[in-house]
């Protein structure tokens, strides 16, 4: 970024984003942001981006370590003229959302049950059944206007707090994470990015409910302040499995954040007011 002309008033100096930079880019959190929040959006017709097991950590979710040249992030950097020897790490490029979102759910030890026999950031696009990277599938779903969910087991988001575990999830188009339980800070971070955390009722999980991740998901009875909702998972044969989930938006302030689309739009609107 480069500094613009100094203001003659008490307005802050503004900076111009360098569109050629592969380290720092203008993030999309405020693109087309209306002045007033639009309220709670319904989640219908969603597809599952990943069906995950227990103890998925923020290290599994968040971009970390070196960038491989054949990864979505590596391909992006090569397309933008960066030699692989100059890739650096995800941590060094955390100011570039294009790199970071491509590295979300790309940990080499991640096992997505939608893509059996693979490790790393792979999934199967529905309903085509094509196997591809989680990033590429996300882009296809978003281009088609399809919201996404994550199915997970116990202790989702354990480990050290990583803001990009929630930011990357949001940028990949994930609207809700349905898990047996959450690590408390990651749950809060998801709400802060406008991603809905839902917890199965005691005794339920994806296995007991027969969920494969190939269903179409809709959340019924969702409105501001509700404690529980019903999730409807429609199979390809037309059959529907319905199950109750606890809404883990835990405080009135968190509901404010969520209704604004996350804490960043909330803060911007407060400043504008």
Protein backbone atom coordinates (compact mmCIF):
# COMPACT_ATOMS: atom_id res chain seq x y z
CA UNK A 1 0.00 0.00 0.00
CA UNK A 2 1.10 3.57 -0.49
CA UNK A 3 0.04 6.64 1.40
CA UNK A 4 -2.27 9.09 -0.28
CA UNK A 5 -2.14 12.86 0.16
CA UNK A 6 -2.38 14.03 3.74
CA UNK A 7 -5.78 15.39 4.66
CA UNK A 8 -6.14 19.08 5.53
CA UNK A 9 -8.79 18.21 8.10
CA UNK A 10 -8.74 15.78 10.98
CA UNK A 11 -9.79 12.94 8.64
CA UNK A 12 -7.29 10.05 8.70
CA UNK A 13 -4.80 9.48 5.90
CA UNK A 14 -6.16 7.00 3.39
CA UNK A 15 -4.14 4.35 1.61
CA UNK A 16 -4.36 3.03 -1.91
CA UNK A 17 -4.23 -0.74 -2.28
CA UNK A 18 -1.56 -2.04 -4.64
CA UNK A 19 -3.42 -4.45 -6.92
CA UNK A 20 -0.12 -6.03 -7.98
CA UNK A 21 0.82 -7.07 -4.44
CA UNK A 22 0.73 -10.79 -3.62
CA UNK A 23 1.32 -10.09 0.09
CA UNK A 24 -1.38 -7.54 1.00
CA UNK A 25 -4.72 -7.20 -0.77
CA UNK A 26 -7.94 -5.35 -0.05
CA UNK A 27 -10.11 -7.97 1.69
CA UNK A 28 -13.69 -8.49 0.49
CA UNK A 29 -15.44 -8.27 3.87
CA UNK A 30 -17.09 -4.92 3.09
CA UNK A 31 -17.83 -5.30 -0.64
CA UNK A 32 -21.37 -4.09 -1.39
CA UNK A 33 -22.04 -3.77 2.35
CA UNK A 34 -25.38 -1.98 2.94
CA UNK A 35 -25.48 0.70 5.62
CA UNK A 36 -28.11 -1.21 7.58
CA UNK A 37 -27.94 -4.95 8.35
CA UNK A 38 -30.32 -7.05 6.29
CA UNK A 39 -31.33 -9.28 9.20
CA UNK A 40 -31.06 -13.02 9.61
CA UNK A 41 -30.67 -14.83 6.31
CA UNK A 42 -32.25 -18.25 5.89
CA UNK A 43 -30.00 -21.16 4.99
CA UNK A 44 -31.68 -23.37 2.39
CA UNK A 45 -30.49 -25.63 -0.40
CA UNK A 46 -27.01 -25.96 1.13
CA UNK A 47 -24.42 -28.53 0.20
CA UNK A 48 -21.79 -30.13 2.42
CA UNK A 49 -18.23 -28.98 1.67
CA UNK A 50 -16.60 -31.41 4.11
CA UNK A 51 -17.74 -34.24 6.39
CA UNK A 52 -15.15 -34.43 9.14
CA UNK A 53 -14.48 -36.57 12.21
CA UNK A 54 -13.58 -35.78 15.81
CA UNK A 55 -10.87 -33.42 17.09
CA UNK A 56 -10.52 -31.31 13.95
CA UNK A 57 -8.10 -28.63 15.10
CA UNK A 58 -7.52 -25.09 13.96
CA UNK A 59 -4.28 -26.44 12.45
CA UNK A 60 -6.39 -28.67 10.20
CA UNK A 61 -8.55 -25.70 9.19
CA UNK A 62 -6.25 -22.68 9.11
CA UNK A 63 -3.58 -22.13 6.43
CA UNK A 64 -0.14 -22.79 7.92
CA UNK A 65 3.35 -23.80 6.88
CA UNK A 66 4.91 -23.78 3.45
CA UNK A 67 2.96 -23.32 0.22
CA UNK A 68 3.17 -26.20 -2.25
CA UNK A 69 3.45 -25.27 -5.91
CA UNK A 70 0.71 -27.71 -6.96
CA UNK A 71 -1.73 -26.43 -4.30
CA UNK A 72 -4.48 -23.90 -5.13
CA UNK A 73 -2.45 -21.21 -3.32
CA UNK A 74 0.73 -22.17 -5.19
CA UNK A 75 -1.06 -22.10 -8.55
CA UNK A 76 -2.45 -18.65 -7.71
CA UNK A 77 1.03 -17.30 -6.90
CA UNK A 78 2.54 -18.78 -10.07
CA UNK A 79 -0.28 -17.21 -12.12
CA UNK A 80 0.69 -13.88 -10.53
CA UNK A 81 4.35 -14.17 -11.48
CA UNK A 82 5.80 -15.49 -8.22
CA UNK A 83 8.58 -18.06 -8.56
CA UNK A 84 8.08 -21.10 -6.26
CA UNK A 85 11.35 -20.31 -4.48
CA UNK A 86 9.77 -17.01 -3.42
CA UNK A 87 6.45 -18.44 -2.21
CA UNK A 88 7.34 -17.95 1.46
CA UNK A 89 4.78 -19.27 3.99
CA UNK A 90 1.07 -18.82 4.59
CA UNK A 91 1.97 -16.86 7.71
CA UNK A 92 3.99 -14.38 5.66
CA UNK A 93 1.10 -13.93 3.23
CA UNK A 94 -1.70 -13.71 5.77
CA UNK A 95 -2.52 -10.24 4.44
CA UNK A 96 -3.59 -11.76 1.11
CA UNK A 97 -7.01 -13.36 1.43
CA UNK A 98 -6.67 -14.97 -1.99
CA UNK A 99 -3.75 -17.05 -0.73
CA UNK A 100 -5.24 -17.73 2.68
CA UNK A 101 -8.67 -18.88 1.53
CA UNK A 102 -6.98 -21.29 -0.89
CA UNK A 103 -5.07 -22.74 2.05
CA UNK A 104 -8.11 -23.19 4.32
CA UNK A 105 -8.94 -26.88 4.94
CA UNK A 106 -5.81 -27.74 2.94
CA UNK A 107 -3.78 -29.35 5.74
CA UNK A 108 -2.07 -32.50 4.44
CA UNK A 109 -3.49 -34.53 7.36
CA UNK A 110 -7.12 -33.48 6.88
CA UNK A 111 -9.41 -36.41 6.06
CA UNK A 112 -12.67 -35.44 4.41
CA UNK A 113 -15.07 -38.37 4.43
CA UNK A 114 -16.67 -36.99 1.28
CA UNK A 115 -13.44 -37.89 -0.53
CA UNK A 116 -12.51 -41.30 0.95
CA UNK A 117 -8.97 -42.48 0.47
CA UNK A 118 -7.55 -38.96 0.30
CA UNK A 119 -5.67 -36.73 2.70
CA UNK A 120 -5.47 -32.97 2.36
CA UNK A 121 -7.87 -30.42 0.99
CA UNK A 122 -10.02 -32.64 -1.22
CA UNK A 123 -13.78 -33.06 -1.54
CA UNK A 124 -16.44 -34.24 -3.96
CA UNK A 125 -18.63 -31.66 -5.61
CA UNK A 126 -22.36 -32.42 -5.39
CA UNK A 127 -24.35 -33.48 -7.27
CA UNK A 128 -21.73 -34.04 -10.00
CA UNK A 129 -19.62 -36.34 -7.80
CA UNK A 130 -16.42 -34.86 -9.23
CA UNK A 131 -13.42 -34.95 -6.90
CA UNK A 132 -11.57 -31.66 -6.66
CA UNK A 133 -9.89 -29.36 -4.18
CA UNK A 134 -12.05 -27.87 -1.45
CA UNK A 135 -11.22 -24.42 -2.80
CA UNK A 136 -12.26 -25.27 -6.37
CA UNK A 137 -15.49 -26.88 -5.16
CA UNK A 138 -16.22 -23.81 -3.04
CA UNK A 139 -15.78 -21.51 -6.01
CA UNK A 140 -18.12 -23.64 -8.13
CA UNK A 141 -20.76 -23.70 -5.40
CA UNK A 142 -20.51 -19.95 -4.86
CA UNK A 143 -20.78 -19.27 -8.60
CA UNK A 144 -24.01 -21.29 -8.55
CA UNK A 145 -25.31 -19.45 -5.47
CA UNK A 146 -25.21 -22.58 -3.29
CA UNK A 147 -24.55 -22.06 0.46
CA UNK A 148 -22.34 -24.56 2.24
CA UNK A 149 -22.19 -26.44 5.53
CA UNK A 150 -19.50 -28.41 7.34
CA UNK A 151 -20.37 -31.61 9.22
CA UNK A 152 -18.03 -32.41 12.11
CA UNK A 153 -17.71 -34.52 15.23
CA UNK A 154 -16.57 -33.76 18.77
CA UNK A 155 -14.24 -30.90 19.80
CA UNK A 156 -14.32 -29.05 16.50
CA UNK A 157 -11.78 -26.22 16.41
CA UNK A 158 -9.49 -27.37 19.21
CA UNK A 159 -5.93 -26.10 19.49
CA UNK A 160 -4.56 -22.59 19.44
CA UNK A 161 -6.85 -19.74 18.43
CA UNK A 162 -6.36 -18.90 14.77
CA UNK A 163 -8.39 -16.10 13.24
CA UNK A 164 -7.94 -17.47 9.71
CA UNK A 165 -9.65 -20.72 10.72
CA UNK A 166 -12.86 -18.67 10.89
CA UNK A 167 -12.02 -16.12 8.18
CA UNK A 168 -11.14 -18.79 5.64
CA UNK A 169 -14.28 -20.75 6.48
CA UNK A 170 -16.38 -17.66 5.79
CA UNK A 171 -14.61 -16.80 2.54
CA UNK A 172 -15.15 -20.36 1.28
CA UNK A 173 -18.88 -19.72 1.47
CA UNK A 174 -19.64 -21.82 4.55
CA UNK A 175 -22.87 -20.65 6.23
CA UNK A 176 -23.03 -23.16 9.10
CA UNK A 177 -20.92 -25.73 10.90
CA UNK A 178 -22.84 -28.65 12.44
CA UNK A 179 -20.76 -30.44 15.09
CA UNK A 180 -21.13 -32.57 18.20
CA UNK A 181 -19.21 -29.96 20.19
CA UNK A 182 -17.01 -26.90 19.64
CA UNK A 183 -13.90 -25.49 21.20
CA UNK A 184 -15.17 -22.31 22.84
CA UNK A 185 -12.91 -19.73 21.17
CA UNK A 186 -13.33 -21.13 17.68
CA UNK A 187 -17.11 -21.22 18.18
CA UNK A 188 -17.00 -17.54 19.12
CA UNK A 189 -14.74 -16.75 16.15
CA UNK A 190 -17.19 -18.44 13.77
CA UNK A 191 -20.03 -16.27 15.07
CA UNK A 192 -17.74 -13.27 14.70
CA UNK A 193 -17.41 -14.07 10.99
CA UNK A 194 -21.14 -14.63 10.50
CA UNK A 195 -20.91 -18.44 10.39
CA UNK A 196 -23.62 -20.28 12.35
CA UNK A 197 -22.42 -22.93 14.85
CA UNK A 198 -24.97 -25.70 15.42
CA UNK A 199 -24.64 -28.63 17.83
CA UNK A 200 -26.44 -31.95 17.42
CA UNK A 201 -28.79 -32.89 20.22
CA UNK A 202 -27.15 -35.28 22.72
CA UNK A 203 -26.70 -38.71 21.20
CA UNK A 204 -26.97 -37.58 17.60
CA UNK A 205 -24.17 -37.32 15.09
CA UNK A 206 -23.71 -37.70 11.36
CA UNK A 207 -23.24 -41.47 11.66
CA UNK A 208 -26.28 -42.12 13.86
CA UNK A 209 -28.44 -39.99 11.55
CA UNK A 210 -27.11 -41.70 8.44
CA UNK A 211 -25.77 -38.49 6.91
CA UNK A 212 -23.33 -39.02 4.06
CA UNK A 213 -22.70 -35.37 3.22
CA UNK A 214 -24.32 -35.84 -0.19
CA UNK A 215 -27.67 -34.44 0.98
CA UNK A 216 -29.16 -30.98 0.44
CA UNK A 217 -29.43 -29.14 3.77
CA UNK A 218 -31.95 -26.55 4.94
CA UNK A 219 -32.35 -25.03 8.40
CA UNK A 220 -35.96 -24.70 9.52
CA UNK A 221 -37.29 -22.43 12.24
CA UNK A 222 -34.26 -20.16 12.25
CA UNK A 223 -34.75 -16.61 13.51
CA UNK A 224 -33.10 -14.09 15.80
CA UNK A 225 -32.57 -15.44 19.30
CA UNK A 226 -33.83 -18.99 18.80
CA UNK A 227 -32.28 -21.73 20.93
CA UNK A 228 -32.94 -24.71 18.64
CA UNK A 229 -33.61 -25.32 14.97
CA UNK A 230 -34.50 -28.28 12.79
CA UNK A 231 -32.09 -29.29 10.04
CA UNK A 232 -33.63 -31.03 7.04
CA UNK A 233 -31.26 -33.18 4.99
CA UNK A 234 -32.79 -34.26 1.69
CA UNK A 235 -31.32 -37.29 -0.04
CA UNK A 236 -31.10 -37.83 -3.78
CA UNK A 237 -34.07 -40.23 -3.60
CA UNK A 238 -36.23 -37.45 -2.14
CA UNK A 239 -36.28 -38.82 1.40
CA UNK A 240 -35.65 -36.31 4.18
CA UNK A 241 -33.92 -36.77 7.53
CA UNK A 242 -34.85 -34.12 10.08
CA UNK A 243 -32.91 -33.57 13.30
CA UNK A 244 -32.77 -30.89 15.96
CA UNK A 245 -29.69 -28.80 16.69
CA UNK A 246 -28.83 -26.33 19.42
CA UNK A 247 -27.98 -22.86 18.11
CA UNK A 248 -24.66 -21.85 19.68
CA UNK A 249 -25.00 -18.11 19.35
CA UNK A 250 -24.74 -17.68 23.08
CA UNK A 251 -25.19 -14.02 24.00
CA UNK A 252 -27.22 -10.99 22.87
CA UNK A 253 -24.02 -9.34 21.64
CA UNK A 254 -23.17 -12.40 19.56
CA UNK A 255 -26.63 -12.22 18.00
CA UNK A 256 -25.86 -8.59 17.07
CA UNK A 257 -22.61 -9.67 15.44
CA UNK A 258 -24.31 -12.51 13.58
CA UNK A 259 -27.23 -10.36 12.38
CA UNK A 260 -24.68 -7.89 10.95
CA UNK A 261 -22.87 -10.64 9.05
CA UNK A 262 -20.04 -10.72 11.57
CA UNK A 263 -18.09 -8.48 13.89
CA UNK A 264 -16.27 -6.61 11.09
CA UNK A 265 -19.45 -5.27 9.41
CA UNK A 266 -20.86 -4.61 12.89
CA UNK A 267 -17.89 -2.43 13.88
CA UNK A 268 -17.88 -0.59 10.55
CA UNK A 269 -21.58 0.23 10.91
CA UNK A 270 -21.00 1.44 14.45
CA UNK A 271 -18.22 3.74 13.25
CA UNK A 272 -20.36 5.02 10.38
CA UNK A 273 -23.19 5.78 12.79
